[in-house]
Amino acid sequence: MEPSILSLLPPLVTIVLAIATRKILISLGVGIVLGALMYAEWDVMGALEFIWEAASGLIIADGEIAEEVYILVAVVLIGVLTSLIYVSGGLLAFAAWAVRRVRSRSQAQFVPVITGIVIFFDDAFSSLVGGTVSRSITDQHRVPPPSCPTWSTPPRRR
């Protein structure tokens, strides 16, 4: 296949579909199939063969399971653990426990730093737990987000 401006079509279709449908995996799949069809010059069997060779080459390299597969399995398992903790209510219970421990505004400002350091073993898990816990505490103590310097006084009650 000759390089051309049409090589931008699969990523553009993927981005537009992801925004329009909000279904990321389906959009990525459509982009992959479109790219494979273009690579195989619109031959469906050639495109399916190309996708199979590319996917199996990612999983089995030189007759052995590729290292990336182990990383992928670990990340998927951490994602499952994160979802399980969130769905079971453990995250909200931890946030409620942390809210009872923080007594001042200055302590509340250190909560995001401490949770970011202590909980960081995966980026998604750290963001989910640290963000949920920190937000509930900083909102209660009226600590503004870094991008909101004007939120310094609590609102007046009427």
Protein backbone atom coordinates (compact mmCIF):
# COMPACT_ATOMS: atom_id res chain seq x y z
CA MET A 1 0.00 0.00 0.00
CA GLU A 2 1.36 3.39 -0.96
CA PRO A 3 1.49 6.06 1.73
CA SER A 4 -1.23 8.66 1.24
CA ILE A 5 -3.53 11.03 3.02
CA LEU A 6 -6.05 8.17 3.30
CA SER A 7 -3.89 6.67 6.06
CA LEU A 8 -5.47 9.27 8.37
CA LEU A 9 -8.94 7.84 7.74
CA PRO A 10 -8.92 4.99 10.34
CA PRO A 11 -7.85 7.18 13.28
CA LEU A 12 -10.27 9.93 12.26
CA VAL A 13 -13.14 7.47 11.98
CA THR A 14 -12.18 6.01 15.37
CA ILE A 15 -12.13 9.42 17.06
CA VAL A 16 -15.40 10.55 15.50
CA LEU A 17 -17.13 7.28 16.42
CA ALA A 18 -15.79 7.41 19.97
CA ILE A 19 -17.13 10.93 20.44
CA ALA A 20 -20.44 10.25 18.73
CA THR A 21 -21.25 6.87 20.31
CA ARG A 22 -19.19 7.06 23.54
CA LYS A 23 -18.32 3.40 22.96
CA ILE A 24 -14.52 3.32 22.96
CA LEU A 25 -13.91 -0.38 22.35
CA ILE A 26 -16.34 -0.60 19.46
CA SER A 27 -14.82 2.53 17.92
CA LEU A 28 -11.32 1.10 18.24
CA GLY A 29 -12.48 -2.16 16.67
CA VAL A 30 -14.02 -0.31 13.72
CA GLY A 31 -10.78 1.66 13.29
CA ILE A 32 -8.69 -1.52 13.33
CA VAL A 33 -10.92 -3.27 10.81
CA LEU A 34 -10.97 -0.20 8.53
CA GLY A 35 -7.17 0.08 8.70
CA ALA A 36 -6.75 -3.63 7.96
CA LEU A 37 -9.16 -3.40 5.03
CA MET A 38 -7.23 -0.47 3.61
CA TYR A 39 -3.92 -2.32 4.10
CA ALA A 40 -5.28 -5.42 2.36
CA GLU A 41 -6.67 -3.26 -0.47
CA TRP A 42 -10.28 -3.97 0.54
CA ASP A 43 -9.87 -7.76 0.52
CA VAL A 44 -11.90 -9.01 3.51
CA MET A 45 -10.05 -12.32 3.90
CA GLY A 46 -6.69 -10.57 3.58
CA ALA A 47 -7.74 -8.06 6.24
CA LEU A 48 -8.86 -10.80 8.64
CA GLU A 49 -5.59 -12.65 8.08
CA PHE A 50 -3.62 -9.46 8.75
CA ILE A 51 -5.55 -8.79 11.98
CA TRP A 52 -5.00 -12.40 13.13
CA GLU A 53 -1.26 -12.25 12.41
CA ALA A 54 -0.88 -8.93 14.20
CA ALA A 55 -2.88 -10.05 17.25
CA SER A 56 -1.15 -13.42 17.55
CA GLY A 57 2.23 -11.73 17.13
CA LEU A 58 1.47 -9.58 20.15
CA ILE A 59 0.60 -12.59 22.28
CA ILE A 60 3.11 -15.19 21.08
CA ALA A 61 6.57 -13.93 20.15
CA ASP A 62 9.29 -16.37 19.05
CA GLY A 63 7.26 -19.36 20.19
CA GLU A 64 6.82 -18.05 23.75
CA ILE A 65 4.23 -15.91 25.48
CA ALA A 66 5.27 -12.28 25.11
CA GLU A 67 6.16 -10.27 28.22
CA GLU A 68 3.49 -7.74 27.39
CA VAL A 69 0.79 -10.35 27.97
CA TYR A 70 1.81 -10.67 31.62
CA ILE A 71 1.67 -6.89 31.99
CA LEU A 72 -1.75 -6.82 30.34
CA VAL A 73 -3.05 -9.53 32.68
CA ALA A 74 -1.74 -7.62 35.73
CA VAL A 75 -3.36 -4.37 34.59
CA VAL A 76 -6.68 -6.11 33.90
CA LEU A 77 -6.61 -7.76 37.33
CA ILE A 78 -5.90 -4.40 39.00
CA GLY A 79 -8.81 -2.91 37.05
CA VAL A 80 -11.09 -5.71 38.22
CA LEU A 81 -9.93 -5.17 41.81
CA THR A 82 -10.56 -1.43 41.51
CA SER A 83 -14.07 -2.00 40.16
CA LEU A 84 -14.82 -4.55 42.87
CA ILE A 85 -13.74 -2.15 45.63
CA TYR A 86 -15.80 0.66 44.08
CA VAL A 87 -18.95 -1.41 43.54
CA SER A 88 -18.81 -3.06 46.97
CA GLY A 89 -18.78 0.32 48.71
CA GLY A 90 -15.34 -0.08 50.21
CA LEU A 91 -14.17 3.13 48.64
CA LEU A 92 -16.96 5.20 50.19
CA ALA A 93 -16.38 3.54 53.56
CA PHE A 94 -12.68 4.41 53.36
CA ALA A 95 -13.58 8.00 52.44
CA ALA A 96 -15.96 8.24 55.41
CA TRP A 97 -13.25 6.86 57.72
CA ALA A 98 -10.72 9.39 56.41
CA VAL A 99 -13.19 12.28 56.79
CA ARG A 100 -13.54 11.50 60.51
CA ARG A 101 -9.74 11.60 60.99
CA VAL A 102 -9.06 14.99 59.38
CA ARG A 103 -9.90 17.87 61.69
CA SER A 104 -8.47 21.03 60.11
CA ARG A 105 -8.08 22.69 56.75
CA SER A 106 -4.30 22.33 56.84
CA GLN A 107 -4.62 18.59 57.43
CA ALA A 108 -7.09 18.38 54.55
CA GLN A 109 -4.54 19.96 52.22
CA PHE A 110 -2.09 17.12 52.89
CA VAL A 111 -4.59 14.32 52.23
CA PRO A 112 -4.16 14.30 48.40
CA VAL A 113 -0.38 14.22 48.76
CA ILE A 114 -0.40 11.40 51.28
CA THR A 115 -2.97 9.28 49.43
CA GLY A 116 -1.08 9.80 46.18
CA ILE A 117 2.13 8.50 47.74
CA VAL A 118 0.69 5.68 49.84
CA ILE A 119 -1.80 4.25 47.34
CA PHE A 120 0.26 4.57 44.16
CA PHE A 121 0.79 1.10 42.76
CA ASP A 122 -1.34 1.64 39.67
CA ASP A 123 -2.35 4.89 38.03
CA ALA A 124 -6.06 4.08 37.69
CA PHE A 125 -6.37 2.75 41.24
CA SER A 126 -4.50 5.73 42.68
CA SER A 127 -6.69 8.20 40.80
CA LEU A 128 -9.92 6.50 41.80
CA VAL A 129 -9.16 6.03 45.49
CA GLY A 130 -7.10 9.17 46.04
CA GLY A 131 -9.49 11.38 44.13
CA THR A 132 -12.62 10.12 45.86
CA VAL A 133 -11.15 10.29 49.34
CA SER A 134 -9.42 13.64 48.80
CA ARG A 135 -12.44 15.28 47.23
CA SER A 136 -14.77 14.41 50.06
CA ILE A 137 -12.29 15.74 52.62
CA THR A 138 -11.25 18.90 50.77
CA ASP A 139 -14.89 19.76 49.97
CA GLN A 140 -15.83 19.43 53.63
CA HIS A 141 -12.96 21.70 54.72
CA ARG A 142 -13.44 24.16 51.81
CA VAL A 143 -9.99 23.57 50.32
CA PRO A 144 -10.07 24.85 46.73
CA PRO A 145 -8.77 22.86 43.79
CA PRO A 146 -5.43 24.12 42.42
CA SER A 147 -7.13 25.76 39.45
CA CYS A 148 -9.62 27.70 41.60
CA PRO A 149 -7.74 30.36 43.60
CA THR A 150 -10.85 32.48 44.30
CA TRP A 151 -12.62 29.91 46.45
CA SER A 152 -11.18 31.06 49.75
CA THR A 153 -14.19 31.83 51.91
CA PRO A 154 -17.11 29.61 52.68
CA PRO A 155 -20.48 30.66 51.24
CA ARG A 156 -22.77 32.66 53.50
CA ARG A 157 -25.82 31.02 54.94
CA ARG A 158 -29.09 32.88 54.80
